[in-house]
Each structure stands twice: as structure tokens, then as C-alpha cells.
Amino acid sequence: MTEDKDYSRMRWASRRGLLELDLLLGPFMESCFRELEPQLRQDYQQLMSHEDQDILNWIMGREALSDESLIAITDQIRAHNRSKLR
């Protein structure tokens, strides 16, 4: 898949049913997705296959991740959002 198609598909997948999640994922997609290493892109795609509430809880640190391979990408999303608050 080309980079632009991959980006477009993941940008669309990042539009979720929870406003809080949209506010976390949308800016991350816009600012960071294109620069991610291929493995982190795959991890992000895998993350998007989960339920909204689970994703939100994992990013917010309310629940432990059920899949350890998603730790790096959720850490990236968290770090990006923390940097916006400073």
C-alpha cells in the first residue's frame, strides 16, 4: 500500500465514536503518523482494530494493555498529547 493510501486509511480509522478519543488520535495522526517507523505504523493499525473504550483506557493509562505489542504506540500517542499541553 502506498504511503498516502496508508495514511488516508488510518486517518479515517482514527475517527472514532468517542470525542475524547478523536481529540487524542486526530492530532497524533496529523503530526506524527507519517514519521512513524513501519513497525509502529503496523501497531497503530492493530490498535485501531480494538474497541473505542479500550483504546481510550489504554491511552489514558486507566487499564493495562492486553497486548504488549501496543505499548510502544500508546506511549507515542501519550507523549505527543503531553507535549501539546506544555
C-alpha atoms as a PDB file:
ATOM      1  CA  MET A   1       0.000   0.000   0.000  1.00  0.00           C
ATOM      2  CA  THR A   2       1.329   3.419  -0.818  1.00  0.00           C
ATOM      3  CA  GLU A   3       2.165   5.811   1.980  1.00  0.00           C
ATOM      4  CA  ASP A   4      -0.654   8.217   1.065  1.00  0.00           C
ATOM      5  CA  LYS A   5      -3.257   5.453   0.936  1.00  0.00           C
ATOM      6  CA  ASP A   6      -1.998   4.046   4.215  1.00  0.00           C
ATOM      7  CA  TYR A   7      -2.167   7.494   5.812  1.00  0.00           C
ATOM      8  CA  SER A   8      -5.670   8.155   4.452  1.00  0.00           C
ATOM      9  CA  ARG A   9      -6.945   4.792   5.626  1.00  0.00           C
ATOM     10  CA  MET A  10      -5.534   5.247   9.117  1.00  0.00           C
ATOM     11  CA  ARG A  11      -6.742   8.842   9.307  1.00  0.00           C
ATOM     12  CA  TRP A  12     -10.260   7.614   8.574  1.00  0.00           C
ATOM     13  CA  ALA A  13      -9.898   4.733  11.053  1.00  0.00           C
ATOM     14  CA  SER A  14      -8.825   7.268  13.694  1.00  0.00           C
ATOM     15  CA  ARG A  15     -12.214   8.968  13.569  1.00  0.00           C
ATOM     16  CA  ARG A  16     -13.899   7.168  16.411  1.00  0.00           C
ATOM     17  CA  GLY A  17     -17.220   7.301  18.221  1.00  0.00           C
ATOM     18  CA  LEU A  18     -15.808   8.978  21.325  1.00  0.00           C
ATOM     19  CA  LEU A  19     -14.978  12.671  21.140  1.00  0.00           C
ATOM     20  CA  GLU A  20     -12.223  12.226  23.720  1.00  0.00           C
ATOM     21  CA  LEU A  21     -10.574   9.616  21.520  1.00  0.00           C
ATOM     22  CA  ASP A  22     -10.923  11.784  18.412  1.00  0.00           C
ATOM     23  CA  LEU A  23      -9.147  14.578  20.286  1.00  0.00           C
ATOM     24  CA  LEU A  24      -6.255  12.255  21.139  1.00  0.00           C
ATOM     25  CA  LEU A  25      -5.905  10.397  17.850  1.00  0.00           C
ATOM     26  CA  GLY A  26      -6.621  13.116  15.276  1.00  0.00           C
ATOM     27  CA  PRO A  27      -3.741  15.421  16.197  1.00  0.00           C
ATOM     28  CA  PHE A  28      -1.412  12.441  16.575  1.00  0.00           C
ATOM     29  CA  MET A  29      -2.288  11.294  13.068  1.00  0.00           C
ATOM     30  CA  GLU A  30      -1.774  14.748  11.602  1.00  0.00           C
ATOM     31  CA  SER A  31       1.544  15.382  13.332  1.00  0.00           C
ATOM     32  CA  CYS A  32       3.199  12.015  13.769  1.00  0.00           C
ATOM     33  CA  PHE A  33       1.857   9.147  11.676  1.00  0.00           C
ATOM     34  CA  ARG A  34       3.888   9.813   8.528  1.00  0.00           C
ATOM     35  CA  GLU A  35       7.142   9.838  10.535  1.00  0.00           C
ATOM     36  CA  LEU A  36       6.478   6.597  12.409  1.00  0.00           C
ATOM     37  CA  GLU A  37       8.695   3.603  11.826  1.00  0.00           C
ATOM     38  CA  PRO A  38       6.975   0.827   9.834  1.00  0.00           C
ATOM     39  CA  GLN A  39       6.508  -1.361  12.935  1.00  0.00           C
ATOM     40  CA  LEU A  40       4.809   1.463  14.844  1.00  0.00           C
ATOM     41  CA  ARG A  41       2.515   2.060  11.859  1.00  0.00           C
ATOM     42  CA  GLN A  42       1.517  -1.595  11.976  1.00  0.00           C
ATOM     43  CA  ASP A  43       0.995  -1.326  15.724  1.00  0.00           C
ATOM     44  CA  TYR A  44      -1.246   1.717  15.170  1.00  0.00           C
ATOM     45  CA  GLN A  45      -3.289  -0.215  12.616  1.00  0.00           C
ATOM     46  CA  GLN A  46      -3.645  -3.037  15.121  1.00  0.00           C
ATOM     47  CA  LEU A  47      -4.666  -0.562  17.837  1.00  0.00           C
ATOM     48  CA  MET A  48      -7.449   0.758  15.599  1.00  0.00           C
ATOM     49  CA  SER A  49      -8.975  -2.733  15.440  1.00  0.00           C
ATOM     50  CA  HIS A  50      -9.917  -2.541  19.140  1.00  0.00           C
ATOM     51  CA  GLU A  51     -12.985  -1.073  20.777  1.00  0.00           C
ATOM     52  CA  ASP A  52     -13.069   2.668  21.426  1.00  0.00           C
ATOM     53  CA  GLN A  53     -13.387   2.394  25.194  1.00  0.00           C
ATOM     54  CA  ASP A  54     -10.440   0.001  25.395  1.00  0.00           C
ATOM     55  CA  ILE A  55      -8.249   2.295  23.271  1.00  0.00           C
ATOM     56  CA  LEU A  56      -9.168   5.306  25.397  1.00  0.00           C
ATOM     57  CA  ASN A  57      -8.476   3.449  28.642  1.00  0.00           C
ATOM     58  CA  TRP A  58      -5.103   2.230  27.368  1.00  0.00           C
ATOM     59  CA  ILE A  59      -4.007   5.655  26.150  1.00  0.00           C
ATOM     60  CA  MET A  60      -5.172   7.310  29.361  1.00  0.00           C
ATOM     61  CA  GLY A  61      -3.404   4.626  31.426  1.00  0.00           C
ATOM     62  CA  ARG A  62      -6.610   3.555  33.147  1.00  0.00           C
ATOM     63  CA  GLU A  63      -6.138  -0.094  32.194  1.00  0.00           C
ATOM     64  CA  ALA A  64      -3.154  -2.275  31.421  1.00  0.00           C
ATOM     65  CA  LEU A  65      -2.769  -3.231  27.779  1.00  0.00           C
ATOM     66  CA  SER A  66      -3.924  -6.732  26.946  1.00  0.00           C
ATOM     67  CA  ASP A  67      -1.412  -6.839  24.058  1.00  0.00           C
ATOM     68  CA  GLU A  68       2.148  -5.850  24.940  1.00  0.00           C
ATOM     69  CA  SER A  69       2.934  -5.092  21.287  1.00  0.00           C
ATOM     70  CA  LEU A  70       0.740  -1.979  21.605  1.00  0.00           C
ATOM     71  CA  ILE A  71       2.740  -0.433  24.447  1.00  0.00           C
ATOM     72  CA  ALA A  72       5.126   1.476  22.175  1.00  0.00           C
ATOM     73  CA  ILE A  73       2.392   3.064  20.055  1.00  0.00           C
ATOM     74  CA  THR A  74       0.233   4.029  23.020  1.00  0.00           C
ATOM     75  CA  ASP A  75       3.328   5.547  24.638  1.00  0.00           C
ATOM     76  CA  GLN A  76       3.908   7.576  21.448  1.00  0.00           C
ATOM     77  CA  ILE A  77       0.312   8.835  21.426  1.00  0.00           C
ATOM     78  CA  ARG A  78       0.526   9.712  25.120  1.00  0.00           C
ATOM     79  CA  ALA A  79       3.829  11.557  24.677  1.00  0.00           C
ATOM     80  CA  HIS A  80       2.501  13.534  21.723  1.00  0.00           C
ATOM     81  CA  ASN A  81      -0.539  14.660  23.671  1.00  0.00           C
ATOM     82  CA  ARG A  82       1.523  15.549  26.746  1.00  0.00           C
ATOM     83  CA  SER A  83       3.784  17.709  24.582  1.00  0.00           C
ATOM     84  CA  LYS A  84       0.739  19.665  23.369  1.00  0.00           C
ATOM     85  CA  LEU A  85      -0.183  20.560  26.953  1.00  0.00           C
ATOM     86  CA  ARG A  86       3.133  22.255  27.694  1.00  0.00           C
END
